Amino acid sequence: MSADHKTLELVVEDVIALTDAITEFRLRDPAGKALPGFAAGAHLRVQVAPGGTAAWRHYSLVNGDGRAGATAAPSVYRIAVRRDDGGQGGSLWMHTQVKAGSRLVTSAPVNAFALDERAEDAVLIAGGIGVTPIVSMAAALTAAGRRYRVHYSARHPDQLALVDELMALAGGNLSLYADQEPMPALDLAALLDGLAPTQPIYACGPAGMIDAVLALASARGWSRDDIHFELFSAPAPGAADRAFEVELRQSGRVLAVPAGQTILDAMLAAGLDPLYDCKRGECGVCQVPVLAGDIDHRDYCLSEAQRCAGDVMQICVSRASSGRLVLDA
């Protein structure tokens, strides 16, 4: 964690298998005190230790209680984690090392995917484990008496987690999809064709789904300000990525950034302490001024004008498009 954030030490009250790959963890204060409140879309940073090395992972807070004030002072935090044996080890550590009674260090709730609870006719789109903040949004809109609809897709029907809670909240306003029969696949183009650009969209899921929602909705007249999203994983390195150098003007360091590493991770490995949060190119915290060099922008937060200007970048995902970058860092 890069900045001074309040941390909590919580005890795992229960571990619940939601599917064969998704597990829910319920966390509480060891002394039974009420936990800091949160709003729909918030997440916890959780300290994990894959390979014995401490690291932080972000997990959305789940709330299926559609009553007003349900998350103002909760007794329990709920997070759900999808096991990914081919990832960076955080989810595997959670699944294999965390048991009922384990202690976890977390942040207080952080919200980079805030819901406007006054929104009417909101469209909530979830892909896979991206359903976790969407459940909380459905609960908040239910509590606020707003109209909304949920569209939830997974690769296989067996991987649709938290469906009972969504059904209890949304009822007939829940549509389920899967890439395999007997359920229909989610056709985003057809879905958006049946909506109005005045309807706010909240989407959470893999990068491919988010990219498709952004492109298709923008092409159909949605304002970028009405398309809200959160990725649940960092973008994977591109097959065409190349190594490059980055000169850090303030620190006087020159770092080699390999093809499979980000600038941010290269700086952390060098013992530097850059500001960052999501590591997915969404939040904007790791933005750094660029003094020289060509940028391969891969973020989701800069405007087109900022990208064209070429004088700032998000070091958690963006890279040099050639040779060398000089950063004011």
C-alpha atoms as a PDB file:
ATOM      1  CA  MET A   1       0.000   0.000   0.000  1.00  0.00           C
ATOM      2  CA  SER A   2       1.623   3.212  -1.163  1.00  0.00           C
ATOM      3  CA  ALA A   3       0.011   5.935   0.882  1.00  0.00           C
ATOM      4  CA  ASP A   4      -0.914   6.265   4.540  1.00  0.00           C
ATOM      5  CA  HIS A   5      -4.148   4.298   4.747  1.00  0.00           C
ATOM      6  CA  LYS A   6      -5.741   3.128   7.954  1.00  0.00           C
ATOM      7  CA  THR A   7      -5.347  -0.621   8.373  1.00  0.00           C
ATOM      8  CA  LEU A   8      -7.554  -3.065  10.233  1.00  0.00           C
ATOM      9  CA  GLU A   9      -6.753  -6.460  11.679  1.00  0.00           C
ATOM     10  CA  LEU A  10      -9.769  -8.669  11.146  1.00  0.00           C
ATOM     11  CA  VAL A  11     -10.565 -12.260  11.994  1.00  0.00           C
ATOM     12  CA  VAL A  12     -12.062 -14.624   9.429  1.00  0.00           C
ATOM     13  CA  GLU A  13     -15.442 -15.626  10.808  1.00  0.00           C
ATOM     14  CA  ASP A  14     -16.412 -18.033   8.035  1.00  0.00           C
ATOM     15  CA  VAL A  15     -15.219 -19.404   4.707  1.00  0.00           C
ATOM     16  CA  ILE A  16     -17.999 -20.397   2.290  1.00  0.00           C
ATOM     17  CA  ALA A  17     -17.648 -22.106  -1.103  1.00  0.00           C
ATOM     18  CA  LEU A  18     -19.960 -20.315  -3.558  1.00  0.00           C
ATOM     19  CA  THR A  19     -18.844 -22.347  -6.589  1.00  0.00           C
ATOM     20  CA  ASP A  20     -15.971 -24.749  -7.197  1.00  0.00           C
ATOM     21  CA  ALA A  21     -13.740 -21.729  -7.958  1.00  0.00           C
ATOM     22  CA  ILE A  22     -15.252 -18.855  -5.929  1.00  0.00           C
ATOM     23  CA  THR A  23     -15.035 -18.641  -2.155  1.00  0.00           C
ATOM     24  CA  GLU A  24     -16.610 -16.104   0.186  1.00  0.00           C
ATOM     25  CA  PHE A  25     -14.709 -14.871   3.243  1.00  0.00           C
ATOM     26  CA  ARG A  26     -16.558 -13.195   6.111  1.00  0.00           C
ATOM     27  CA  LEU A  27     -14.426 -10.905   8.255  1.00  0.00           C
ATOM     28  CA  ARG A  28     -15.193  -9.269  11.591  1.00  0.00           C
ATOM     29  CA  ASP A  29     -13.493  -7.211  14.268  1.00  0.00           C
ATOM     30  CA  PRO A  30     -11.799  -9.525  16.821  1.00  0.00           C
ATOM     31  CA  ALA A  31     -13.509  -7.660  19.673  1.00  0.00           C
ATOM     32  CA  GLY A  32     -16.894  -7.663  17.964  1.00  0.00           C
ATOM     33  CA  LYS A  33     -16.916  -3.918  17.306  1.00  0.00           C
ATOM     34  CA  ALA A  34     -18.817  -2.400  14.400  1.00  0.00           C
ATOM     35  CA  LEU A  35     -16.704  -2.010  11.275  1.00  0.00           C
ATOM     36  CA  PRO A  36     -16.230   1.206   9.266  1.00  0.00           C
ATOM     37  CA  GLY A  37     -19.170   1.792   6.958  1.00  0.00           C
ATOM     38  CA  PHE A  38     -19.039   1.638   3.189  1.00  0.00           C
ATOM     39  CA  ALA A  39     -21.098   2.433   0.111  1.00  0.00           C
ATOM     40  CA  ALA A  40     -21.870   0.235  -2.882  1.00  0.00           C
ATOM     41  CA  GLY A  41     -18.837  -0.259  -5.127  1.00  0.00           C
ATOM     42  CA  ALA A  42     -16.280  -0.107  -2.302  1.00  0.00           C
ATOM     43  CA  HIS A  43     -13.466  -2.608  -1.879  1.00  0.00           C
ATOM     44  CA  LEU A  44     -10.957  -3.722   0.733  1.00  0.00           C
ATOM     45  CA  ARG A  45      -7.240  -3.922   0.210  1.00  0.00           C
ATOM     46  CA  VAL A  46      -6.238  -7.234   1.751  1.00  0.00           C
ATOM     47  CA  GLN A  47      -2.656  -8.134   2.645  1.00  0.00           C
ATOM     48  CA  VAL A  48      -1.682 -11.496   1.175  1.00  0.00           C
ATOM     49  CA  ALA A  49       1.649 -13.316   1.160  1.00  0.00           C
ATOM     50  CA  PRO A  50       2.073 -15.499  -1.935  1.00  0.00           C
ATOM     51  CA  GLY A  51       5.499 -17.114  -1.828  1.00  0.00           C
ATOM     52  CA  GLY A  52       6.058 -15.524   1.577  1.00  0.00           C
ATOM     53  CA  THR A  53       6.199 -11.995   0.151  1.00  0.00           C
ATOM     54  CA  ALA A  54       3.654  -9.490   1.454  1.00  0.00           C
ATOM     55  CA  ALA A  55       1.473  -7.870  -1.196  1.00  0.00           C
ATOM     56  CA  TRP A  56      -1.921  -6.191  -1.451  1.00  0.00           C
ATOM     57  CA  ARG A  57      -4.954  -7.396  -3.372  1.00  0.00           C
ATOM     58  CA  HIS A  58      -8.276  -5.635  -3.847  1.00  0.00           C
ATOM     59  CA  TYR A  59     -11.591  -7.397  -3.231  1.00  0.00           C
ATOM     60  CA  SER A  60     -15.011  -5.784  -3.586  1.00  0.00           C
ATOM     61  CA  LEU A  61     -17.282  -5.700  -0.566  1.00  0.00           C
ATOM     62  CA  VAL A  62     -20.498  -7.674  -0.951  1.00  0.00           C
ATOM     63  CA  ASN A  63     -23.812  -6.570   0.529  1.00  0.00           C
ATOM     64  CA  GLY A  64     -27.055  -8.334  -0.310  1.00  0.00           C
ATOM     65  CA  ASP A  65     -29.208  -6.514   2.260  1.00  0.00           C
ATOM     66  CA  GLY A  66     -31.616  -4.176   0.473  1.00  0.00           C
ATOM     67  CA  ARG A  67     -32.567  -2.212   3.567  1.00  0.00           C
ATOM     68  CA  ALA A  68     -31.515   1.413   4.056  1.00  0.00           C
ATOM     69  CA  GLY A  69     -28.405   1.848   6.191  1.00  0.00           C
ATOM     70  CA  ALA A  70     -27.373  -1.807   5.922  1.00  0.00           C
ATOM     71  CA  THR A  71     -23.695  -0.933   5.403  1.00  0.00           C
ATOM     72  CA  ALA A  72     -23.439   2.112   7.687  1.00  0.00           C
ATOM     73  CA  ALA A  73     -21.843   0.169  10.573  1.00  0.00           C
ATOM     74  CA  PRO A  74     -21.629  -3.488   9.552  1.00  0.00           C
ATOM     75  CA  SER A  75     -20.651  -6.252  11.946  1.00  0.00           C
ATOM     76  CA  VAL A  76     -19.161  -8.318   9.108  1.00  0.00           C
ATOM     77  CA  TYR A  77     -17.380  -7.606   5.831  1.00  0.00           C
ATOM     78  CA  ARG A  78     -18.017 -10.055   2.987  1.00  0.00           C
ATOM     79  CA  ILE A  79     -15.595 -10.528   0.111  1.00  0.00           C
ATOM     80  CA  ALA A  80     -15.567 -13.229  -2.573  1.00  0.00           C
ATOM     81  CA  VAL A  81     -12.412 -14.430  -4.315  1.00  0.00           C
ATOM     82  CA  ARG A  82     -12.104 -16.417  -7.522  1.00  0.00           C
ATOM     83  CA  ARG A  83      -9.245 -18.899  -7.475  1.00  0.00           C
ATOM     84  CA  ASP A  84      -6.764 -18.284 -10.298  1.00  0.00           C
ATOM     85  CA  ASP A  85      -3.949 -20.816 -10.296  1.00  0.00           C
ATOM     86  CA  GLY A  86      -2.242 -19.023 -13.189  1.00  0.00           C
ATOM     87  CA  GLY A  87      -2.293 -15.546 -11.681  1.00  0.00           C
ATOM     88  CA  GLN A  88       0.069 -13.745  -9.318  1.00  0.00           C
ATOM     89  CA  GLY A  89      -0.688 -15.992  -6.373  1.00  0.00           C
ATOM     90  CA  GLY A  90      -2.939 -13.790  -4.265  1.00  0.00           C
ATOM     91  CA  SER A  91      -6.162 -15.670  -4.926  1.00  0.00           C
ATOM     92  CA  LEU A  92      -4.436 -19.038  -4.535  1.00  0.00           C
ATOM     93  CA  TRP A  93      -3.037 -17.885  -1.177  1.00  0.00           C
ATOM     94  CA  MET A  94      -6.491 -16.819  -0.051  1.00  0.00           C
ATOM     95  CA  HIS A  95      -7.946 -20.193  -1.012  1.00  0.00           C
ATOM     96  CA  THR A  96      -5.202 -22.360   0.469  1.00  0.00           C
ATOM     97  CA  GLN A  97      -3.947 -20.396   3.483  1.00  0.00           C
ATOM     98  CA  VAL A  98      -6.956 -18.552   4.902  1.00  0.00           C
ATOM     99  CA  LYS A  99      -9.242 -20.503   7.216  1.00  0.00           C
ATOM    100  CA  ALA A 100     -11.908 -19.666   9.766  1.00  0.00           C
ATOM    101  CA  GLY A 101     -10.046 -18.054  12.656  1.00  0.00           C
ATOM    102  CA  SER A 102      -7.244 -16.648  10.474  1.00  0.00           C
ATOM    103  CA  ARG A 103      -6.273 -13.008  10.959  1.00  0.00           C
ATOM    104  CA  LEU A 104      -6.039 -10.678   7.950  1.00  0.00           C
ATOM    105  CA  VAL A 105      -4.723  -7.138   7.665  1.00  0.00           C
ATOM    106  CA  THR A 106      -6.920  -4.976   5.456  1.00  0.00           C
ATOM    107  CA  SER A 107      -7.499  -1.345   4.654  1.00  0.00           C
ATOM    108  CA  ALA A 108     -10.622   0.477   5.621  1.00  0.00           C
ATOM    109  CA  PRO A 109     -13.122   0.449   2.729  1.00  0.00           C
ATOM    110  CA  VAL A 110     -12.020   2.355  -0.384  1.00  0.00           C
ATOM    111  CA  ASN A 111     -14.423   3.329  -3.165  1.00  0.00           C
ATOM    112  CA  ALA A 112     -13.187   3.925  -6.696  1.00  0.00           C
ATOM    113  CA  PHE A 113     -16.413   2.604  -8.292  1.00  0.00           C
ATOM    114  CA  ALA A 114     -19.041   4.742  -6.605  1.00  0.00           C
ATOM    115  CA  LEU A 115     -22.736   4.335  -7.385  1.00  0.00           C
ATOM    116  CA  ASP A 116     -25.100   7.275  -7.748  1.00  0.00           C
ATOM    117  CA  GLU A 117     -27.954   5.950  -5.635  1.00  0.00           C
ATOM    118  CA  ARG A 118     -30.255   8.578  -7.167  1.00  0.00           C
ATOM    119  CA  ALA A 119     -29.820   6.986 -10.591  1.00  0.00           C
ATOM    120  CA  GLU A 120     -33.022   5.779 -12.236  1.00  0.00           C
ATOM    121  CA  ASP A 121     -33.096   2.922 -14.760  1.00  0.00           C
ATOM    122  CA  ALA A 122     -29.454   2.037 -14.124  1.00  0.00           C
ATOM    123  CA  VAL A 123     -28.018  -0.911 -16.037  1.00  0.00           C
ATOM    124  CA  LEU A 124     -25.758  -3.170 -13.963  1.00  0.00           C
ATOM    125  CA  ILE A 125     -23.525  -5.508 -15.990  1.00  0.00           C
ATOM    126  CA  ALA A 126     -21.398  -8.181 -14.308  1.00  0.00           C
ATOM    127  CA  GLY A 127     -18.925 -10.630 -15.780  1.00  0.00           C
ATOM    128  CA  GLY A 128     -17.682 -13.525 -13.648  1.00  0.00           C
ATOM    129  CA  ILE A 129     -16.357 -12.485 -10.228  1.00  0.00           C
ATOM    130  CA  GLY A 130     -17.210  -8.913 -11.233  1.00  0.00           C
ATOM    131  CA  VAL A 131     -20.621  -9.651  -9.760  1.00  0.00           C
ATOM    132  CA  THR A 132     -19.399  -8.779  -6.253  1.00  0.00           C
ATOM    133  CA  PRO A 133     -19.808  -4.968  -6.419  1.00  0.00           C
ATOM    134  CA  ILE A 134     -22.892  -5.372  -8.598  1.00  0.00           C
ATOM    135  CA  VAL A 135     -24.717  -7.204  -5.792  1.00  0.00           C
ATOM    136  CA  SER A 136     -23.988  -4.265  -3.486  1.00  0.00           C
ATOM    137  CA  MET A 137     -25.234  -1.823  -6.122  1.00  0.00           C
ATOM    138  CA  ALA A 138     -28.443  -3.780  -6.574  1.00  0.00           C
ATOM    139  CA  ALA A 139     -28.968  -3.695  -2.806  1.00  0.00           C
ATOM    140  CA  ALA A 140     -28.330   0.060  -2.620  1.00  0.00           C
ATOM    141  CA  LEU A 141     -30.711   0.821  -5.498  1.00  0.00           C
ATOM    142  CA  THR A 142     -33.331  -1.432  -3.911  1.00  0.00           C
ATOM    143  CA  ALA A 143     -32.962   0.456  -0.627  1.00  0.00           C
ATOM    144  CA  ALA A 144     -33.290   3.762  -2.487  1.00  0.00           C
ATOM    145  CA  GLY A 145     -36.431   2.603  -4.333  1.00  0.00           C
ATOM    146  CA  ARG A 146     -34.856   3.048  -7.776  1.00  0.00           C
ATOM    147  CA  ARG A 147     -35.545   1.116 -10.960  1.00  0.00           C
ATOM    148  CA  TYR A 148     -32.618  -0.914 -12.315  1.00  0.00           C
ATOM    149  CA  ARG A 149     -31.787  -4.091 -14.184  1.00  0.00           C
ATOM    150  CA  VAL A 150     -28.945  -6.568 -13.712  1.00  0.00           C
ATOM    151  CA  HIS A 151     -27.248  -8.525 -16.499  1.00  0.00           C
ATOM    152  CA  TYR A 152     -24.880 -11.197 -15.161  1.00  0.00           C
ATOM    153  CA  SER A 153     -22.732 -13.460 -17.334  1.00  0.00           C
ATOM    154  CA  ALA A 154     -20.222 -16.237 -16.594  1.00  0.00           C
ATOM    155  CA  ARG A 155     -18.321 -18.745 -18.669  1.00  0.00           C
ATOM    156  CA  HIS A 156     -20.413 -21.632 -17.324  1.00  0.00           C
ATOM    157  CA  PRO A 157     -23.778 -21.682 -15.515  1.00  0.00           C
ATOM    158  CA  ASP A 158     -22.077 -23.329 -12.522  1.00  0.00           C
ATOM    159  CA  GLN A 159     -19.880 -20.243 -12.087  1.00  0.00           C
ATOM    160  CA  LEU A 160     -22.771 -17.841 -11.487  1.00  0.00           C
ATOM    161  CA  ALA A 161     -22.192 -16.956  -7.831  1.00  0.00           C
ATOM    162  CA  LEU A 162     -24.486 -15.012  -5.477  1.00  0.00           C
ATOM    163  CA  VAL A 163     -27.465 -15.596  -7.780  1.00  0.00           C
ATOM    164  CA  ASP A 164     -29.913 -16.223  -4.927  1.00  0.00           C
ATOM    165  CA  GLU A 165     -29.146 -12.826  -3.410  1.00  0.00           C
ATOM    166  CA  LEU A 166     -29.478 -11.100  -6.769  1.00  0.00           C
ATOM    167  CA  MET A 167     -32.807 -12.816  -7.386  1.00  0.00           C
ATOM    168  CA  ALA A 168     -34.082 -11.727  -3.980  1.00  0.00           C
ATOM    169  CA  LEU A 169     -33.093  -8.139  -4.754  1.00  0.00           C
ATOM    170  CA  ALA A 170     -33.845  -7.741  -8.457  1.00  0.00           C
ATOM    171  CA  GLY A 171     -36.475 -10.414  -9.064  1.00  0.00           C
ATOM    172  CA  GLY A 172     -37.626 -10.279 -12.664  1.00  0.00           C
ATOM    173  CA  ASN A 173     -35.109  -7.523 -13.389  1.00  0.00           C
ATOM    174  CA  LEU A 174     -32.253 -10.036 -13.312  1.00  0.00           C
ATOM    175  CA  SER A 175     -31.041 -11.639 -16.543  1.00  0.00           C
ATOM    176  CA  LEU A 176     -28.495 -14.479 -16.431  1.00  0.00           C
ATOM    177  CA  TYR A 177     -26.157 -15.561 -19.221  1.00  0.00           C
ATOM    178  CA  ALA A 178     -23.389 -18.089 -19.777  1.00  0.00           C
ATOM    179  CA  ASP A 179     -21.028 -18.994 -22.594  1.00  0.00           C
ATOM    180  CA  GLN A 180     -22.302 -22.578 -22.473  1.00  0.00           C
ATOM    181  CA  GLU A 181     -25.773 -24.042 -22.797  1.00  0.00           C
ATOM    182  CA  PRO A 182     -28.468 -24.161 -21.595  1.00  0.00           C
ATOM    183  CA  MET A 183     -28.181 -20.418 -20.915  1.00  0.00           C
ATOM    184  CA  PRO A 184     -27.906 -17.832 -23.685  1.00  0.00           C
ATOM    185  CA  ALA A 185     -24.647 -15.938 -24.161  1.00  0.00           C
ATOM    186  CA  LEU A 186     -24.576 -12.243 -23.309  1.00  0.00           C
ATOM    187  CA  ASP A 187     -24.866 -10.206 -26.526  1.00  0.00           C
ATOM    188  CA  LEU A 188     -23.737  -6.737 -25.451  1.00  0.00           C
ATOM    189  CA  ALA A 189     -24.562  -5.116 -28.784  1.00  0.00           C
ATOM    190  CA  ALA A 190     -28.140  -6.391 -28.701  1.00  0.00           C
ATOM    191  CA  LEU A 191     -28.483  -5.450 -25.037  1.00  0.00           C
ATOM    192  CA  LEU A 192     -27.366  -1.861 -25.636  1.00  0.00           C
ATOM    193  CA  ASP A 193     -29.539  -1.569 -28.739  1.00  0.00           C
ATOM    194  CA  GLY A 194     -32.539  -2.031 -26.457  1.00  0.00           C
ATOM    195  CA  LEU A 195     -31.498   0.705 -24.006  1.00  0.00           C
ATOM    196  CA  ALA A 196     -31.448   4.493 -24.032  1.00  0.00           C
ATOM    197  CA  PRO A 197     -28.192   6.488 -23.771  1.00  0.00           C
ATOM    198  CA  THR A 198     -29.718   8.293 -20.801  1.00  0.00           C
ATOM    199  CA  GLN A 199     -29.491   5.098 -18.721  1.00  0.00           C
ATOM    200  CA  PRO A 200     -26.297   5.000 -16.613  1.00  0.00           C
ATOM    201  CA  ILE A 201     -24.206   1.861 -17.010  1.00  0.00           C
ATOM    202  CA  TYR A 202     -22.229   0.224 -14.210  1.00  0.00           C
ATOM    203  CA  ALA A 203     -20.061  -2.673 -15.397  1.00  0.00           C
ATOM    204  CA  CYS A 204     -17.544  -4.890 -13.637  1.00  0.00           C
ATOM    205  CA  GLY A 205     -15.686  -7.801 -15.157  1.00  0.00           C
ATOM    206  CA  PRO A 206     -12.725  -8.782 -17.323  1.00  0.00           C
ATOM    207  CA  ALA A 207     -10.936  -6.264 -19.524  1.00  0.00           C
ATOM    208  CA  GLY A 208     -12.434  -7.635 -22.740  1.00  0.00           C
ATOM    209  CA  MET A 209     -15.960  -7.113 -21.469  1.00  0.00           C
ATOM    210  CA  ILE A 210     -15.192  -3.606 -20.218  1.00  0.00           C
ATOM    211  CA  ASP A 211     -13.566  -2.658 -23.526  1.00  0.00           C
ATOM    212  CA  ALA A 212     -16.630  -3.932 -25.387  1.00  0.00           C
ATOM    213  CA  VAL A 213     -19.055  -2.025 -23.135  1.00  0.00           C
ATOM    214  CA  LEU A 214     -17.073   1.200 -23.591  1.00  0.00           C
ATOM    215  CA  ALA A 215     -16.819   0.857 -27.367  1.00  0.00           C
ATOM    216  CA  LEU A 216     -20.392  -0.274 -27.996  1.00  0.00           C
ATOM    217  CA  ALA A 217     -22.024   2.213 -25.622  1.00  0.00           C
ATOM    218  CA  SER A 218     -19.961   5.137 -26.939  1.00  0.00           C
ATOM    219  CA  ALA A 219     -20.906   4.227 -30.489  1.00  0.00           C
ATOM    220  CA  ARG A 220     -24.586   4.300 -29.482  1.00  0.00           C
ATOM    221  CA  GLY A 221     -24.494   7.757 -27.972  1.00  0.00           C
ATOM    222  CA  TRP A 222     -23.653   7.210 -24.321  1.00  0.00           C
ATOM    223  CA  SER A 223     -21.667   9.947 -22.655  1.00  0.00           C
ATOM    224  CA  ARG A 224     -18.405   8.671 -21.204  1.00  0.00           C
ATOM    225  CA  ASP A 225     -19.520  10.122 -17.858  1.00  0.00           C
ATOM    226  CA  ASP A 226     -22.484   7.717 -17.818  1.00  0.00           C
ATOM    227  CA  ILE A 227     -20.354   4.587 -18.317  1.00  0.00           C
ATOM    228  CA  HIS A 228     -18.926   3.495 -14.978  1.00  0.00           C
ATOM    229  CA  PHE A 229     -16.740   0.422 -14.675  1.00  0.00           C
ATOM    230  CA  GLU A 230     -14.226  -1.526 -12.668  1.00  0.00           C
ATOM    231  CA  LEU A 231     -11.872  -4.266 -13.777  1.00  0.00           C
ATOM    232  CA  PHE A 232     -11.332  -7.175 -11.418  1.00  0.00           C
ATOM    233  CA  SER A 233      -7.813  -7.944 -12.595  1.00  0.00           C
ATOM    234  CA  ALA A 234      -4.783  -6.121 -13.929  1.00  0.00           C
ATOM    235  CA  PRO A 235      -4.256  -6.285 -17.707  1.00  0.00           C
ATOM    236  CA  ALA A 236      -1.989  -9.113 -18.807  1.00  0.00           C
ATOM    237  CA  PRO A 237       1.313  -8.248 -20.544  1.00  0.00           C
ATOM    238  CA  GLY A 238       0.971  -7.975 -24.311  1.00  0.00           C
ATOM    239  CA  ALA A 239       2.690 -10.481 -26.568  1.00  0.00           C
ATOM    240  CA  ALA A 240       4.316  -7.614 -28.478  1.00  0.00           C
ATOM    241  CA  ASP A 241       5.625  -5.806 -25.388  1.00  0.00           C
ATOM    242  CA  ARG A 242       9.303  -4.854 -25.481  1.00  0.00           C
ATOM    243  CA  ALA A 243      11.820  -3.853 -22.827  1.00  0.00           C
ATOM    244  CA  PHE A 244      12.640  -0.164 -22.492  1.00  0.00           C
ATOM    245  CA  GLU A 245      14.428   2.287 -20.208  1.00  0.00           C
ATOM    246  CA  VAL A 246      12.876   4.872 -17.962  1.00  0.00           C
ATOM    247  CA  GLU A 247      14.807   7.827 -16.570  1.00  0.00           C
ATOM    248  CA  LEU A 248      13.418   9.178 -13.316  1.00  0.00           C
ATOM    249  CA  ARG A 249      14.498  12.812 -13.327  1.00  0.00           C
ATOM    250  CA  GLN A 250      13.764  13.611  -9.655  1.00  0.00           C
ATOM    251  CA  SER A 251      15.547  10.585  -8.216  1.00  0.00           C
ATOM    252  CA  GLY A 252      18.314  10.509 -10.807  1.00  0.00           C
ATOM    253  CA  ARG A 253      17.725   6.800 -11.450  1.00  0.00           C
ATOM    254  CA  VAL A 254      17.577   4.968 -14.764  1.00  0.00           C
ATOM    255  CA  LEU A 255      15.647   1.702 -14.673  1.00  0.00           C
ATOM    256  CA  ALA A 256      15.379  -1.101 -17.185  1.00  0.00           C
ATOM    257  CA  VAL A 257      11.757  -2.213 -17.565  1.00  0.00           C
ATOM    258  CA  PRO A 258      11.501  -5.764 -18.976  1.00  0.00           C
ATOM    259  CA  ALA A 259       8.712  -6.802 -21.321  1.00  0.00           C
ATOM    260  CA  GLY A 260       6.755  -8.548 -18.575  1.00  0.00           C
ATOM    261  CA  GLN A 261       7.034  -5.772 -15.974  1.00  0.00           C
ATOM    262  CA  THR A 262       5.349  -2.406 -15.490  1.00  0.00           C
ATOM    263  CA  ILE A 263       7.116   0.850 -14.706  1.00  0.00           C
ATOM    264  CA  LEU A 264       5.410   0.865 -11.332  1.00  0.00           C
ATOM    265  CA  ASP A 265       6.662  -2.616 -10.447  1.00  0.00           C
ATOM    266  CA  ALA A 266      10.169  -1.744 -11.675  1.00  0.00           C
ATOM    267  CA  MET A 267      10.181   1.279  -9.352  1.00  0.00           C
ATOM    268  CA  LEU A 268       8.939  -0.781  -6.414  1.00  0.00           C
ATOM    269  CA  ALA A 269      11.568  -3.451  -7.088  1.00  0.00           C
ATOM    270  CA  ALA A 270      14.219  -0.706  -7.066  1.00  0.00           C
ATOM    271  CA  GLY A 271      13.174   0.341  -3.566  1.00  0.00           C
ATOM    272  CA  LEU A 272      11.297   3.480  -4.633  1.00  0.00           C
ATOM    273  CA  ASP A 273       7.920   4.471  -3.181  1.00  0.00           C
ATOM    274  CA  PRO A 274       5.621   5.760  -5.940  1.00  0.00           C
ATOM    275  CA  LEU A 275       1.979   6.508  -5.227  1.00  0.00           C
ATOM    276  CA  TYR A 276      -0.437   3.911  -6.566  1.00  0.00           C
ATOM    277  CA  ASP A 277      -3.673   2.158  -5.778  1.00  0.00           C
ATOM    278  CA  CYS A 278      -5.588  -0.040  -8.225  1.00  0.00           C
ATOM    279  CA  LYS A 279      -2.719  -1.207 -10.503  1.00  0.00           C
ATOM    280  CA  ARG A 280      -5.319  -1.556 -13.276  1.00  0.00           C
ATOM    281  CA  GLY A 281      -5.150   1.878 -14.907  1.00  0.00           C
ATOM    282  CA  GLU A 282      -8.497   3.016 -13.499  1.00  0.00           C
ATOM    283  CA  CYS A 283      -8.014   5.205 -10.435  1.00  0.00           C
ATOM    284  CA  GLY A 284      -5.447   7.761 -11.668  1.00  0.00           C
ATOM    285  CA  VAL A 285      -3.387   7.728  -8.456  1.00  0.00           C
ATOM    286  CA  CYS A 286      -0.138   6.675 -10.154  1.00  0.00           C
ATOM    287  CA  GLN A 287      -0.224   9.419 -12.802  1.00  0.00           C
ATOM    288  CA  VAL A 288       3.265  10.817 -13.512  1.00  0.00           C
ATOM    289  CA  PRO A 289       4.366  13.746 -15.737  1.00  0.00           C
ATOM    290  CA  VAL A 290       6.277  12.702 -18.861  1.00  0.00           C
ATOM    291  CA  LEU A 291       9.178  14.940 -19.888  1.00  0.00           C
ATOM    292  CA  ALA A 292      10.285  13.034 -22.997  1.00  0.00           C
ATOM    293  CA  GLY A 293       9.442   9.899 -24.943  1.00  0.00           C
ATOM    294  CA  ASP A 294       6.524   8.286 -26.705  1.00  0.00           C
ATOM    295  CA  ILE A 295       3.808   6.677 -24.583  1.00  0.00           C
ATOM    296  CA  ASP A 296       1.781   3.545 -25.207  1.00  0.00           C
ATOM    297  CA  HIS A 297      -1.323   4.512 -23.196  1.00  0.00           C
ATOM    298  CA  ARG A 298      -3.226   1.548 -21.745  1.00  0.00           C
ATOM    299  CA  ASP A 299      -5.187   3.199 -18.959  1.00  0.00           C
ATOM    300  CA  TYR A 300      -8.918   3.753 -18.531  1.00  0.00           C
ATOM    301  CA  CYS A 301      -8.790   7.147 -16.828  1.00  0.00           C
ATOM    302  CA  LEU A 302      -7.087   9.680 -19.113  1.00  0.00           C
ATOM    303  CA  SER A 303      -9.130  11.679 -21.600  1.00  0.00           C
ATOM    304  CA  GLU A 304      -8.351  11.541 -25.298  1.00  0.00           C
ATOM    305  CA  ALA A 305      -6.972  15.092 -25.061  1.00  0.00           C
ATOM    306  CA  GLN A 306      -4.593  14.055 -22.277  1.00  0.00           C
ATOM    307  CA  ARG A 307      -3.415  11.093 -24.289  1.00  0.00           C
ATOM    308  CA  CYS A 308      -2.776  13.228 -27.338  1.00  0.00           C
ATOM    309  CA  ALA A 309      -0.869  15.799 -25.286  1.00  0.00           C
ATOM    310  CA  GLY A 310       1.532  13.061 -24.225  1.00  0.00           C
ATOM    311  CA  ASP A 311       2.692  14.739 -21.035  1.00  0.00           C
ATOM    312  CA  VAL A 312       1.253  12.377 -18.402  1.00  0.00           C
ATOM    313  CA  MET A 313       0.870   8.615 -18.059  1.00  0.00           C
ATOM    314  CA  GLN A 314      -0.341   5.927 -15.657  1.00  0.00           C
ATOM    315  CA  ILE A 315       2.766   3.964 -14.732  1.00  0.00           C
ATOM    316  CA  CYS A 316       0.832   0.920 -13.510  1.00  0.00           C
ATOM    317  CA  VAL A 317      -0.199  -0.140 -17.032  1.00  0.00           C
ATOM    318  CA  SER A 318       1.130   2.206 -19.728  1.00  0.00           C
ATOM    319  CA  ARG A 319       4.522   1.728 -21.358  1.00  0.00           C
ATOM    320  CA  ALA A 320       6.988   3.304 -23.766  1.00  0.00           C
ATOM    321  CA  SER A 321       6.029   2.816 -27.377  1.00  0.00           C
ATOM    322  CA  SER A 322       9.718   2.989 -28.245  1.00  0.00           C
ATOM    323  CA  GLY A 323      13.106   3.182 -26.578  1.00  0.00           C
ATOM    324  CA  ARG A 324      13.121   5.412 -23.530  1.00  0.00           C
ATOM    325  CA  LEU A 325      10.895   7.546 -21.349  1.00  0.00           C
ATOM    326  CA  VAL A 326      11.896  10.433 -19.092  1.00  0.00           C
ATOM    327  CA  LEU A 327       9.550  10.915 -16.158  1.00  0.00           C
ATOM    328  CA  ASP A 328       9.300  13.702 -13.605  1.00  0.00           C
ATOM    329  CA  ALA A 329       9.517  11.201 -10.745  1.00  0.00           C
END
